[in-house]
């Protein structure tokens, strides 16, 4: 439970203030050699179509979008950034792991 019990979490003019505080906390990027990235595969809620997910990133929004662009180009596929997770369409975990390791990240392929 939060230390500050009287903290406002919703404002009719600003929306959900909890999400704003989470975004501002993760604005600083860690160097690639200090991060371990997990590559997942998921198809839930996508009509059976699989996507590859890049999780556990400590990057600013700008850096995350740049990394997503590099991964999309390397895989020749579409994708997006949602809630601090990069989603790439299709099964591309091995390709993404190779690209990320070249950039200096430690990667782990998770899931089946």
PDB file of N, CA and C in Angstrom:
ATOM      1  N   UNK A   1       0.841  -1.181   0.000  1.00  0.00           N
ATOM      2  CA  UNK A   1       0.000   0.000   0.000  1.00  0.00           C
ATOM      3  C   UNK A   1       0.882   1.238   0.000  1.00  0.00           C
ATOM      4  N   UNK A   2       0.403   2.275  -0.596  1.00  0.00           N
ATOM      5  CA  UNK A   2       1.153   3.511  -0.721  1.00  0.00           C
ATOM      6  C   UNK A   2       1.358   4.178   0.640  1.00  0.00           C
ATOM      7  N   UNK A   3       2.466   4.862   0.762  1.00  0.00           N
ATOM      8  CA  UNK A   3       2.751   5.582   2.015  1.00  0.00           C
ATOM      9  C   UNK A   3       1.817   6.769   2.190  1.00  0.00           C
ATOM     10  N   UNK A   4       1.479   7.431   1.086  1.00  0.00           N
ATOM     11  CA  UNK A   4       0.616   8.607   1.136  1.00  0.00           C
ATOM     12  C   UNK A   4      -0.815   8.185   0.824  1.00  0.00           C
ATOM     13  N   UNK A   5      -1.644   8.021   1.861  1.00  0.00           N
ATOM     14  CA  UNK A   5      -3.011   7.531   1.688  1.00  0.00           C
ATOM     15  C   UNK A   5      -3.939   8.576   1.085  1.00  0.00           C
ATOM     16  N   UNK A   6      -3.608   9.847   1.188  1.00  0.00           N
ATOM     17  CA  UNK A   6      -4.478  10.910   0.710  1.00  0.00           C
ATOM     18  C   UNK A   6      -4.091  11.396  -0.686  1.00  0.00           C
ATOM     19  N   UNK A   7      -3.295  10.641  -1.388  1.00  0.00           N
ATOM     20  CA  UNK A   7      -2.822  11.043  -2.698  1.00  0.00           C
ATOM     21  C   UNK A   7      -3.962  10.943  -3.711  1.00  0.00           C
ATOM     22  N   UNK A   8      -4.146  11.956  -4.539  1.00  0.00           N
ATOM     23  CA  UNK A   8      -5.167  11.955  -5.572  1.00  0.00           C
ATOM     24  C   UNK A   8      -4.721  11.052  -6.706  1.00  0.00           C
ATOM     25  N   UNK A   9      -5.596  10.119  -7.118  1.00  0.00           N
ATOM     26  CA  UNK A   9      -5.241   9.217  -8.202  1.00  0.00           C
ATOM     27  C   UNK A   9      -6.052   9.493  -9.467  1.00  0.00           C
ATOM     28  N   UNK A  10      -7.131  10.268  -9.358  1.00  0.00           N
ATOM     29  CA  UNK A  10      -7.929  10.568 -10.523  1.00  0.00           C
ATOM     30  C   UNK A  10      -8.373  12.012 -10.469  1.00  0.00           C
ATOM     31  N   UNK A  11      -8.278  12.676 -11.589  1.00  0.00           N
ATOM     32  CA  UNK A  11      -8.738  14.047 -11.712  1.00  0.00           C
ATOM     33  C   UNK A  11      -9.558  14.142 -12.988  1.00  0.00           C
ATOM     34  N   UNK A  12     -10.697  14.810 -12.934  1.00  0.00           N
ATOM     35  CA  UNK A  12     -11.557  14.877 -14.116  1.00  0.00           C
ATOM     36  C   UNK A  12     -10.896  15.652 -15.253  1.00  0.00           C
ATOM     37  N   UNK A  13      -9.992  16.556 -14.933  1.00  0.00           N
ATOM     38  CA  UNK A  13      -9.339  17.308 -15.998  1.00  0.00           C
ATOM     39  C   UNK A  13      -8.062  16.629 -16.504  1.00  0.00           C
ATOM     40  N   UNK A  14      -7.382  15.862 -15.644  1.00  0.00           N
ATOM     41  CA  UNK A  14      -6.108  15.255 -16.031  1.00  0.00           C
ATOM     42  C   UNK A  14      -6.168  13.751 -16.238  1.00  0.00           C
ATOM     43  N   UNK A  15      -7.218  13.089 -15.829  1.00  0.00           N
ATOM     44  CA  UNK A  15      -7.322  11.644 -15.983  1.00  0.00           C
ATOM     45  C   UNK A  15      -6.618  10.914 -14.854  1.00  0.00           C
ATOM     46  N   UNK A  16      -6.072   9.741 -15.170  1.00  0.00           N
ATOM     47  CA  UNK A  16      -5.426   8.880 -14.176  1.00  0.00           C
ATOM     48  C   UNK A  16      -4.024   9.413 -13.866  1.00  0.00           C
ATOM     49  N   UNK A  17      -3.839   9.938 -12.679  1.00  0.00           N
ATOM     50  CA  UNK A  17      -2.563  10.535 -12.292  1.00  0.00           C
ATOM     51  C   UNK A  17      -1.519   9.490 -11.939  1.00  0.00           C
ATOM     52  N   UNK A  18      -1.932   8.245 -11.672  1.00  0.00           N
ATOM     53  CA  UNK A  18      -0.965   7.187 -11.366  1.00  0.00           C
ATOM     54  C   UNK A  18      -0.121   6.871 -12.585  1.00  0.00           C
ATOM     55  N   UNK A  19      -0.724   6.859 -13.769  1.00  0.00           N
ATOM     56  CA  UNK A  19       0.022   6.563 -14.987  1.00  0.00           C
ATOM     57  C   UNK A  19       1.023   7.660 -15.291  1.00  0.00           C
ATOM     58  N   UNK A  20       0.679   8.890 -15.012  1.00  0.00           N
ATOM     59  CA  UNK A  20       1.593   9.996 -15.251  1.00  0.00           C
ATOM     60  C   UNK A  20       2.844   9.861 -14.374  1.00  0.00           C
ATOM     61  N   UNK A  21       2.677   9.466 -13.117  1.00  0.00           N
ATOM     62  CA  UNK A  21       3.832   9.331 -12.231  1.00  0.00           C
ATOM     63  C   UNK A  21       4.704   8.151 -12.650  1.00  0.00           C
ATOM     64  N   UNK A  22       4.125   7.088 -13.209  1.00  0.00           N
ATOM     65  CA  UNK A  22       4.914   5.957 -13.684  1.00  0.00           C
ATOM     66  C   UNK A  22       5.723   6.337 -14.913  1.00  0.00           C
ATOM     67  N   UNK A  23       5.161   7.127 -15.806  1.00  0.00           N
ATOM     68  CA  UNK A  23       5.871   7.551 -17.006  1.00  0.00           C
ATOM     69  C   UNK A  23       7.056   8.436 -16.652  1.00  0.00           C
ATOM     70  N   UNK A  24       6.867   9.347 -15.718  1.00  0.00           N
ATOM     71  CA  UNK A  24       7.949  10.257 -15.374  1.00  0.00           C
ATOM     72  C   UNK A  24       9.076   9.538 -14.646  1.00  0.00           C
ATOM     73  N   UNK A  25       8.771   8.434 -13.978  1.00  0.00           N
ATOM     74  CA  UNK A  25       9.799   7.689 -13.262  1.00  0.00           C
ATOM     75  C   UNK A  25      10.712   6.930 -14.210  1.00  0.00           C
ATOM     76  N   UNK A  26      10.220   6.549 -15.385  1.00  0.00           N
ATOM     77  CA  UNK A  26      11.016   5.744 -16.299  1.00  0.00           C
ATOM     78  C   UNK A  26      11.551   6.546 -17.480  1.00  0.00           C
ATOM     79  N   UNK A  27      11.851   7.812 -17.289  1.00  0.00           N
ATOM     80  CA  UNK A  27      12.305   8.629 -18.402  1.00  0.00           C
ATOM     81  C   UNK A  27      13.803   8.501 -18.645  1.00  0.00           C
ATOM     82  N   UNK A  28      14.551   7.951 -17.717  1.00  0.00           N
ATOM     83  CA  UNK A  28      15.994   7.834 -17.898  1.00  0.00           C
ATOM     84  C   UNK A  28      16.342   6.441 -18.407  1.00  0.00           C
ATOM     85  N   UNK A  29      17.174   6.386 -19.426  1.00  0.00           N
ATOM     86  CA  UNK A  29      17.560   5.115 -20.030  1.00  0.00           C
ATOM     87  C   UNK A  29      18.813   4.562 -19.370  1.00  0.00           C
ATOM     88  N   UNK A  30      18.822   3.250 -19.171  1.00  0.00           N
ATOM     89  CA  UNK A  30      20.017   2.560 -18.695  1.00  0.00           C
ATOM     90  C   UNK A  30      20.851   2.144 -19.896  1.00  0.00           C
ATOM     91  N   UNK A  31      22.173   2.046 -19.745  1.00  0.00           N
ATOM     92  CA  UNK A  31      23.008   1.573 -20.846  1.00  0.00           C
ATOM     93  C   UNK A  31      22.672   0.116 -21.184  1.00  0.00           C
ATOM     94  N   UNK A  32      22.843  -0.292 -22.436  1.00  0.00           N
ATOM     95  CA  UNK A  32      22.482  -1.650 -22.847  1.00  0.00           C
ATOM     96  C   UNK A  32      23.167  -2.753 -22.042  1.00  0.00           C
ATOM     97  N   UNK A  33      24.424  -2.563 -21.659  1.00  0.00           N
ATOM     98  CA  UNK A  33      25.139  -3.628 -20.955  1.00  0.00           C
ATOM     99  C   UNK A  33      24.632  -3.836 -19.526  1.00  0.00           C
ATOM    100  N   UNK A  34      23.765  -2.965 -19.014  1.00  0.00           N
ATOM    101  CA  UNK A  34      23.208  -3.112 -17.677  1.00  0.00           C
ATOM    102  C   UNK A  34      21.777  -3.654 -17.699  1.00  0.00           C
ATOM    103  N   UNK A  35      21.304  -4.066 -18.870  1.00  0.00           N
ATOM    104  CA  UNK A  35      19.922  -4.522 -18.987  1.00  0.00           C
ATOM    105  C   UNK A  35      19.859  -5.959 -19.493  1.00  0.00           C
ATOM    106  N   UNK A  36      18.920  -6.709 -18.968  1.00  0.00           N
ATOM    107  CA  UNK A  36      18.595  -8.036 -19.483  1.00  0.00           C
ATOM    108  C   UNK A  36      17.177  -7.959 -20.021  1.00  0.00           C
ATOM    109  N   UNK A  37      17.032  -8.228 -21.308  1.00  0.00           N
ATOM    110  CA  UNK A  37      15.750  -8.105 -21.981  1.00  0.00           C
ATOM    111  C   UNK A  37      15.168  -9.497 -22.191  1.00  0.00           C
ATOM    112  N   UNK A  38      13.876  -9.636 -21.942  1.00  0.00           N
ATOM    113  CA  UNK A  38      13.179 -10.902 -22.117  1.00  0.00           C
ATOM    114  C   UNK A  38      12.325 -10.834 -23.379  1.00  0.00           C
ATOM    115  N   UNK A  39      12.453 -11.852 -24.230  1.00  0.00           N
ATOM    116  CA  UNK A  39      11.705 -11.929 -25.473  1.00  0.00           C
ATOM    117  C   UNK A  39      10.620 -12.995 -25.319  1.00  0.00           C
ATOM    118  N   UNK A  40       9.370 -12.578 -25.418  1.00  0.00           N
ATOM    119  CA  UNK A  40       8.224 -13.465 -25.235  1.00  0.00           C
ATOM    120  C   UNK A  40       7.468 -13.605 -26.547  1.00  0.00           C
ATOM    121  N   UNK A  41       6.633 -14.630 -26.639  1.00  0.00           N
ATOM    122  CA  UNK A  41       5.714 -14.808 -27.757  1.00  0.00           C
ATOM    123  C   UNK A  41       4.311 -14.854 -27.179  1.00  0.00           C
ATOM    124  N   UNK A  42       3.385 -14.160 -27.828  1.00  0.00           N
ATOM    125  CA  UNK A  42       2.017 -14.114 -27.327  1.00  0.00           C
ATOM    126  C   UNK A  42       1.051 -14.055 -28.500  1.00  0.00           C
ATOM    127  N   UNK A  43      -0.103 -14.702 -28.343  1.00  0.00           N
ATOM    128  CA  UNK A  43      -1.125 -14.616 -29.376  1.00  0.00           C
ATOM    129  C   UNK A  43      -2.508 -14.325 -28.795  1.00  0.00           C
ATOM    130  N   UNK A  44      -2.577 -14.186 -27.488  1.00  0.00           N
ATOM    131  CA  UNK A  44      -3.861 -13.952 -26.818  1.00  0.00           C
ATOM    132  C   UNK A  44      -4.472 -12.616 -27.263  1.00  0.00           C
ATOM    133  N   UNK A  45      -5.739 -12.652 -27.645  1.00  0.00           N
ATOM    134  CA  UNK A  45      -6.457 -11.436 -28.002  1.00  0.00           C
ATOM    135  C   UNK A  45      -6.106 -10.901 -29.374  1.00  0.00           C
ATOM    136  N   UNK A  46      -5.445 -11.714 -30.203  1.00  0.00           N
ATOM    137  CA  UNK A  46      -5.034 -11.246 -31.523  1.00  0.00           C
ATOM    138  C   UNK A  46      -5.547 -12.164 -32.632  1.00  0.00           C
ATOM    139  N   UNK A  47      -6.586 -12.900 -32.357  1.00  0.00           N
ATOM    140  CA  UNK A  47      -7.169 -13.782 -33.359  1.00  0.00           C
ATOM    141  C   UNK A  47      -6.241 -14.907 -33.782  1.00  0.00           C
ATOM    142  N   UNK A  48      -5.395 -15.375 -32.890  1.00  0.00           N
ATOM    143  CA  UNK A  48      -4.472 -16.463 -33.201  1.00  0.00           C
ATOM    144  C   UNK A  48      -3.173 -16.017 -33.825  1.00  0.00           C
ATOM    145  N   UNK A  49      -3.047 -14.754 -34.170  1.00  0.00           N
ATOM    146  CA  UNK A  49      -1.815 -14.233 -34.758  1.00  0.00           C
ATOM    147  C   UNK A  49      -0.799 -14.022 -33.649  1.00  0.00           C
ATOM    148  N   UNK A  50       0.406 -14.483 -33.839  1.00  0.00           N
ATOM    149  CA  UNK A  50       1.443 -14.359 -32.825  1.00  0.00           C
ATOM    150  C   UNK A  50       2.209 -13.058 -32.944  1.00  0.00           C
ATOM    151  N   UNK A  51       2.627 -12.538 -31.820  1.00  0.00           N
ATOM    152  CA  UNK A  51       3.516 -11.376 -31.787  1.00  0.00           C
ATOM    153  C   UNK A  51       4.688 -11.690 -30.865  1.00  0.00           C
ATOM    154  N   UNK A  52       5.812 -11.077 -31.146  1.00  0.00           N
ATOM    155  CA  UNK A  52       6.988 -11.209 -30.292  1.00  0.00           C
ATOM    156  C   UNK A  52       7.057  -9.970 -29.414  1.00  0.00           C
ATOM    157  N   UNK A  53       7.226 -10.168 -28.117  1.00  0.00           N
ATOM    158  CA  UNK A  53       7.245  -9.066 -27.161  1.00  0.00           C
ATOM    159  C   UNK A  53       8.646  -8.880 -26.598  1.00  0.00           C
ATOM    160  N   UNK A  54       9.062  -7.634 -26.460  1.00  0.00           N
ATOM    161  CA  UNK A  54      10.332  -7.294 -25.829  1.00  0.00           C
ATOM    162  C   UNK A  54       9.988  -6.628 -24.510  1.00  0.00           C
ATOM    163  N   UNK A  55      10.304  -7.318 -23.403  1.00  0.00           N
ATOM    164  CA  UNK A  55       9.929  -6.823 -22.071  1.00  0.00           C
ATOM    165  C   UNK A  55      11.155  -6.521 -21.230  1.00  0.00           C
ATOM    166  N   UNK A  56      10.925  -5.829 -20.124  1.00  0.00           N
ATOM    167  CA  UNK A  56      11.934  -5.505 -19.119  1.00  0.00           C
ATOM    168  C   UNK A  56      12.928  -4.465 -19.623  1.00  0.00           C
ATOM    169  N   UNK A  57      12.426  -3.488 -20.366  1.00  0.00           N
ATOM    170  CA  UNK A  57      13.277  -2.423 -20.882  1.00  0.00           C
ATOM    171  C   UNK A  57      13.280  -1.234 -19.932  1.00  0.00           C
ATOM    172  N   UNK A  58      14.445  -0.692 -19.688  1.00  0.00           N
ATOM    173  CA  UNK A  58      14.567   0.533 -18.900  1.00  0.00           C
ATOM    174  C   UNK A  58      15.055   1.628 -19.837  1.00  0.00           C
ATOM    175  N   UNK A  59      14.145   2.091 -20.692  1.00  0.00           N
ATOM    176  CA  UNK A  59      14.475   3.096 -21.694  1.00  0.00           C
ATOM    177  C   UNK A  59      13.465   4.233 -21.650  1.00  0.00           C
ATOM    178  N   UNK A  60      13.904   5.400 -22.082  1.00  0.00           N
ATOM    179  CA  UNK A  60      12.968   6.509 -22.220  1.00  0.00           C
ATOM    180  C   UNK A  60      12.058   6.212 -23.406  1.00  0.00           C
ATOM    181  N   UNK A  61      10.969   6.935 -23.496  1.00  0.00           N
ATOM    182  CA  UNK A  61      10.001   6.693 -24.566  1.00  0.00           C
ATOM    183  C   UNK A  61      10.638   6.897 -25.939  1.00  0.00           C
ATOM    184  N   UNK A  62      11.461   7.919 -26.058  1.00  0.00           N
ATOM    185  CA  UNK A  62      12.128   8.211 -27.327  1.00  0.00           C
ATOM    186  C   UNK A  62      13.078   7.073 -27.717  1.00  0.00           C
ATOM    187  N   UNK A  63      13.884   6.602 -26.764  1.00  0.00           N
ATOM    188  CA  UNK A  63      14.815   5.507 -27.033  1.00  0.00           C
ATOM    189  C   UNK A  63      14.077   4.209 -27.349  1.00  0.00           C
ATOM    190  N   UNK A  64      12.947   3.990 -26.675  1.00  0.00           N
ATOM    191  CA  UNK A  64      12.182   2.770 -26.913  1.00  0.00           C
ATOM    192  C   UNK A  64      11.604   2.768 -28.327  1.00  0.00           C
ATOM    193  N   UNK A  65      11.115   3.914 -28.787  1.00  0.00           N
ATOM    194  CA  UNK A  65      10.582   3.994 -30.146  1.00  0.00           C
ATOM    195  C   UNK A  65      11.684   3.793 -31.178  1.00  0.00           C
ATOM    196  N   UNK A  66      12.879   4.318 -30.900  1.00  0.00           N
ATOM    197  CA  UNK A  66      14.006   4.135 -31.819  1.00  0.00           C
ATOM    198  C   UNK A  66      14.415   2.662 -31.885  1.00  0.00           C
ATOM    199  N   UNK A  67      14.439   1.991 -30.734  1.00  0.00           N
ATOM    200  CA  UNK A  67      14.779   0.573 -30.707  1.00  0.00           C
ATOM    201  C   UNK A  67      13.706  -0.251 -31.424  1.00  0.00           C
ATOM    202  N   UNK A  68      12.445   0.095 -31.243  1.00  0.00           N
ATOM    203  CA  UNK A  68      11.362  -0.605 -31.924  1.00  0.00           C
ATOM    204  C   UNK A  68      11.508  -0.456 -33.434  1.00  0.00           C
ATOM    205  N   UNK A  69      11.894   0.706 -33.888  1.00  0.00           N
ATOM    206  CA  UNK A  69      12.082   0.937 -35.321  1.00  0.00           C
ATOM    207  C   UNK A  69      13.194   0.050 -35.867  1.00  0.00           C
ATOM    208  N   UNK A  70      14.313  -0.049 -35.129  1.00  0.00           N
ATOM    209  CA  UNK A  70      15.421  -0.913 -35.559  1.00  0.00           C
ATOM    210  C   UNK A  70      14.984  -2.370 -35.639  1.00  0.00           C
ATOM    211  N   UNK A  71      14.211  -2.819 -34.645  1.00  0.00           N
ATOM    212  CA  UNK A  71      13.749  -4.207 -34.621  1.00  0.00           C
ATOM    213  C   UNK A  71      12.764  -4.486 -35.758  1.00  0.00           C
ATOM    214  N   UNK A  72      11.871  -3.546 -36.026  1.00  0.00           N
ATOM    215  CA  UNK A  72      10.915  -3.729 -37.111  1.00  0.00           C
ATOM    216  C   UNK A  72      11.633  -3.828 -38.458  1.00  0.00           C
ATOM    217  N   UNK A  73      12.664  -2.994 -38.644  1.00  0.00           N
ATOM    218  CA  UNK A  73      13.420  -3.032 -39.892  1.00  0.00           C
ATOM    219  C   UNK A  73      14.189  -4.339 -40.025  1.00  0.00           C
ATOM    220  N   UNK A  74      14.773  -4.815 -38.937  1.00  0.00           N
ATOM    221  CA  UNK A  74      15.548  -6.050 -38.973  1.00  0.00           C
ATOM    222  C   UNK A  74      14.655  -7.257 -39.257  1.00  0.00           C
ATOM    223  N   UNK A  75      13.435  -7.232 -38.740  1.00  0.00           N
ATOM    224  CA  UNK A  75      12.516  -8.366 -38.918  1.00  0.00           C
ATOM    225  C   UNK A  75      11.673  -8.233 -40.181  1.00  0.00           C
ATOM    226  N   UNK A  76      11.632  -7.050 -40.770  1.00  0.00           N
ATOM    227  CA  UNK A  76      10.792  -6.835 -41.942  1.00  0.00           C
ATOM    228  C   UNK A  76       9.328  -6.977 -41.609  1.00  0.00           C
ATOM    229  N   UNK A  77       8.939  -6.443 -40.467  1.00  0.00           N
ATOM    230  CA  UNK A  77       7.586  -6.624 -39.976  1.00  0.00           C
ATOM    231  C   UNK A  77       7.107  -5.352 -39.285  1.00  0.00           C
ATOM    232  N   UNK A  78       5.823  -5.287 -39.028  1.00  0.00           N
ATOM    233  CA  UNK A  78       5.248  -4.156 -38.316  1.00  0.00           C
ATOM    234  C   UNK A  78       5.335  -4.357 -36.823  1.00  0.00           C
ATOM    235  N   UNK A  79       5.016  -3.321 -36.089  1.00  0.00           N
ATOM    236  CA  UNK A  79       5.031  -3.418 -34.641  1.00  0.00           C
ATOM    237  C   UNK A  79       4.669  -2.105 -33.993  1.00  0.00           C
ATOM    238  N   UNK A  80       4.695  -2.097 -32.657  1.00  0.00           N
ATOM    239  CA  UNK A  80       4.326  -0.906 -31.910  1.00  0.00           C
ATOM    240  C   UNK A  80       4.953  -0.957 -30.519  1.00  0.00           C
ATOM    241  N   UNK A  81       4.827   0.159 -29.801  1.00  0.00           N
ATOM    242  CA  UNK A  81       5.243   0.229 -28.399  1.00  0.00           C
ATOM    243  C   UNK A  81       3.996   0.494 -27.574  1.00  0.00           C
ATOM    244  N   UNK A  82       3.699  -0.409 -26.620  1.00  0.00           N
ATOM    245  CA  UNK A  82       2.531  -0.243 -25.751  1.00  0.00           C
ATOM    246  C   UNK A  82       2.945  -0.505 -24.313  1.00  0.00           C
ATOM    247  N   UNK A  83       2.672   0.431 -23.434  1.00  0.00           N
ATOM    248  CA  UNK A  83       2.902   0.275 -21.995  1.00  0.00           C
ATOM    249  C   UNK A  83       4.312  -0.211 -21.666  1.00  0.00           C
ATOM    250  N   UNK A  84       5.314   0.320 -22.329  1.00  0.00           N
ATOM    251  CA  UNK A  84       6.690  -0.041 -22.037  1.00  0.00           C
ATOM    252  C   UNK A  84       7.117  -1.385 -22.586  1.00  0.00           C
ATOM    253  N   UNK A  85       6.328  -1.958 -23.501  1.00  0.00           N
ATOM    254  CA  UNK A  85       6.642  -3.243 -24.127  1.00  0.00           C
ATOM    255  C   UNK A  85       6.637  -3.042 -25.638  1.00  0.00           C
ATOM    256  N   UNK A  86       7.668  -3.548 -26.305  1.00  0.00           N
ATOM    257  CA  UNK A  86       7.721  -3.478 -27.760  1.00  0.00           C
ATOM    258  C   UNK A  86       7.063  -4.738 -28.311  1.00  0.00           C
ATOM    259  N   UNK A  87       6.095  -4.553 -29.227  1.00  0.00           N
ATOM    260  CA  UNK A  87       5.411  -5.667 -29.872  1.00  0.00           C
ATOM    261  C   UNK A  87       5.798  -5.681 -31.346  1.00  0.00           C
ATOM    262  N   UNK A  88       6.312  -6.822 -31.806  1.00  0.00           N
ATOM    263  CA  UNK A  88       6.662  -6.999 -33.210  1.00  0.00           C
ATOM    264  C   UNK A  88       5.784  -8.114 -33.763  1.00  0.00           C
ATOM    265  N   UNK A  89       5.134  -7.870 -34.898  1.00  0.00           N
ATOM    266  CA  UNK A  89       4.216  -8.845 -35.470  1.00  0.00           C
ATOM    267  C   UNK A  89       4.984 -10.067 -35.979  1.00  0.00           C
ATOM    268  N   UNK A  90       4.515 -11.240 -35.603  1.00  0.00           N
ATOM    269  CA  UNK A  90       5.113 -12.489 -36.069  1.00  0.00           C
ATOM    270  C   UNK A  90       6.081 -13.080 -35.058  1.00  0.00           C
ATOM    271  N   UNK A  91       6.626 -14.242 -35.409  1.00  0.00           N
ATOM    272  CA  UNK A  91       7.583 -14.961 -34.556  1.00  0.00           C
ATOM    273  C   UNK A  91       8.997 -14.594 -35.001  1.00  0.00           C
ATOM    274  N   UNK A  92       9.620 -13.649 -34.294  1.00  0.00           N
ATOM    275  CA  UNK A  92      10.939 -13.153 -34.684  1.00  0.00           C
ATOM    276  C   UNK A  92      11.903 -13.099 -33.499  1.00  0.00           C
ATOM    277  N   UNK A  93      11.697 -13.923 -32.496  1.00  0.00           N
ATOM    278  CA  UNK A  93      12.516 -13.810 -31.280  1.00  0.00           C
ATOM    279  C   UNK A  93      13.993 -14.046 -31.549  1.00  0.00           C
ATOM    280  N   UNK A  94      14.343 -15.003 -32.403  1.00  0.00           N
ATOM    281  CA  UNK A  94      15.756 -15.286 -32.658  1.00  0.00           C
ATOM    282  C   UNK A  94      16.435 -14.124 -33.391  1.00  0.00           C
ATOM    283  N   UNK A  95      15.749 -13.570 -34.401  1.00  0.00           N
ATOM    284  CA  UNK A  95      16.292 -12.417 -35.125  1.00  0.00           C
ATOM    285  C   UNK A  95      16.469 -11.229 -34.177  1.00  0.00           C
ATOM    286  N   UNK A  96      15.444 -11.002 -33.352  1.00  0.00           N
ATOM    287  CA  UNK A  96      15.499  -9.872 -32.427  1.00  0.00           C
ATOM    288  C   UNK A  96      16.618 -10.062 -31.415  1.00  0.00           C
ATOM    289  N   UNK A  97      16.827 -11.293 -30.948  1.00  0.00           N
ATOM    290  CA  UNK A  97      17.894 -11.563 -29.989  1.00  0.00           C
ATOM    291  C   UNK A  97      19.252 -11.244 -30.605  1.00  0.00           C
ATOM    292  N   UNK A  98      19.450 -11.605 -31.868  1.00  0.00           N
ATOM    293  CA  UNK A  98      20.718 -11.326 -32.542  1.00  0.00           C
ATOM    294  C   UNK A  98      20.953  -9.820 -32.665  1.00  0.00           C
ATOM    295  N   UNK A  99      19.917  -9.084 -33.050  1.00  0.00           N
ATOM    296  CA  UNK A  99      20.038  -7.628 -33.197  1.00  0.00           C
ATOM    297  C   UNK A  99      20.323  -6.974 -31.850  1.00  0.00           C
ATOM    298  N   UNK A 100      19.597  -7.387 -30.822  1.00  0.00           N
ATOM    299  CA  UNK A 100      19.769  -6.787 -29.496  1.00  0.00           C
ATOM    300  C   UNK A 100      21.148  -7.104 -28.915  1.00  0.00           C
ATOM    301  N   UNK A 101      21.653  -8.305 -29.151  1.00  0.00           N
ATOM    302  CA  UNK A 101      22.984  -8.655 -28.650  1.00  0.00           C
ATOM    303  C   UNK A 101      24.064  -7.853 -29.358  1.00  0.00           C
ATOM    304  N   UNK A 102      23.865  -7.555 -30.656  1.00  0.00           N
ATOM    305  CA  UNK A 102      24.811  -6.688 -31.370  1.00  0.00           C
ATOM    306  C   UNK A 102      24.839  -5.286 -30.761  1.00  0.00           C
ATOM    307  N   UNK A 103      23.679  -4.855 -30.261  1.00  0.00           N
ATOM    308  CA  UNK A 103      23.585  -3.525 -29.660  1.00  0.00           C
ATOM    309  C   UNK A 103      24.109  -3.507 -28.221  1.00  0.00           C
ATOM    310  N   UNK A 104      24.414  -4.682 -27.661  1.00  0.00           N
ATOM    311  CA  UNK A 104      24.995  -4.745 -26.322  1.00  0.00           C
ATOM    312  C   UNK A 104      24.057  -5.202 -25.225  1.00  0.00           C
ATOM    313  N   UNK A 105      22.828  -5.548 -25.562  1.00  0.00           N
ATOM    314  CA  UNK A 105      21.865  -6.000 -24.552  1.00  0.00           C
ATOM    315  C   UNK A 105      22.084  -7.483 -24.255  1.00  0.00           C
ATOM    316  N   UNK A 106      21.754  -7.883 -23.030  1.00  0.00           N
ATOM    317  CA  UNK A 106      21.695  -9.299 -22.680  1.00  0.00           C
ATOM    318  C   UNK A 106      20.261  -9.728 -22.937  1.00  0.00           C
ATOM    319  N   UNK A 107      20.073 -10.862 -23.632  1.00  0.00           N
ATOM    320  CA  UNK A 107      18.713 -11.293 -23.962  1.00  0.00           C
ATOM    321  C   UNK A 107      18.450 -12.691 -23.442  1.00  0.00           C
ATOM    322  N   UNK A 108      17.184 -12.937 -23.144  1.00  0.00           N
ATOM    323  CA  UNK A 108      16.714 -14.257 -22.742  1.00  0.00           C
ATOM    324  C   UNK A 108      15.417 -14.509 -23.487  1.00  0.00           C
ATOM    325  N   UNK A 109      15.342 -15.652 -24.170  1.00  0.00           N
ATOM    326  CA  UNK A 109      14.127 -16.016 -24.869  1.00  0.00           C
ATOM    327  C   UNK A 109      13.250 -16.801 -23.909  1.00  0.00           C
ATOM    328  N   UNK A 110      12.061 -16.270 -23.648  1.00  0.00           N
ATOM    329  CA  UNK A 110      11.153 -16.872 -22.655  1.00  0.00           C
ATOM    330  C   UNK A 110       9.928 -17.441 -23.373  1.00  0.00           C
ATOM    331  N   UNK A 111       9.299 -18.394 -22.754  1.00  0.00           N
ATOM    332  CA  UNK A 111       8.072 -18.962 -23.290  1.00  0.00           C
ATOM    333  C   UNK A 111       8.335 -20.016 -24.344  1.00  0.00           C
ATOM    334  N   UNK A 112       7.261 -20.571 -24.884  1.00  0.00           N
ATOM    335  CA  UNK A 112       7.374 -21.672 -25.828  1.00  0.00           C
ATOM    336  C   UNK A 112       7.082 -21.308 -27.179  1.00  0.00           C
TER     337      UNK A 112
END
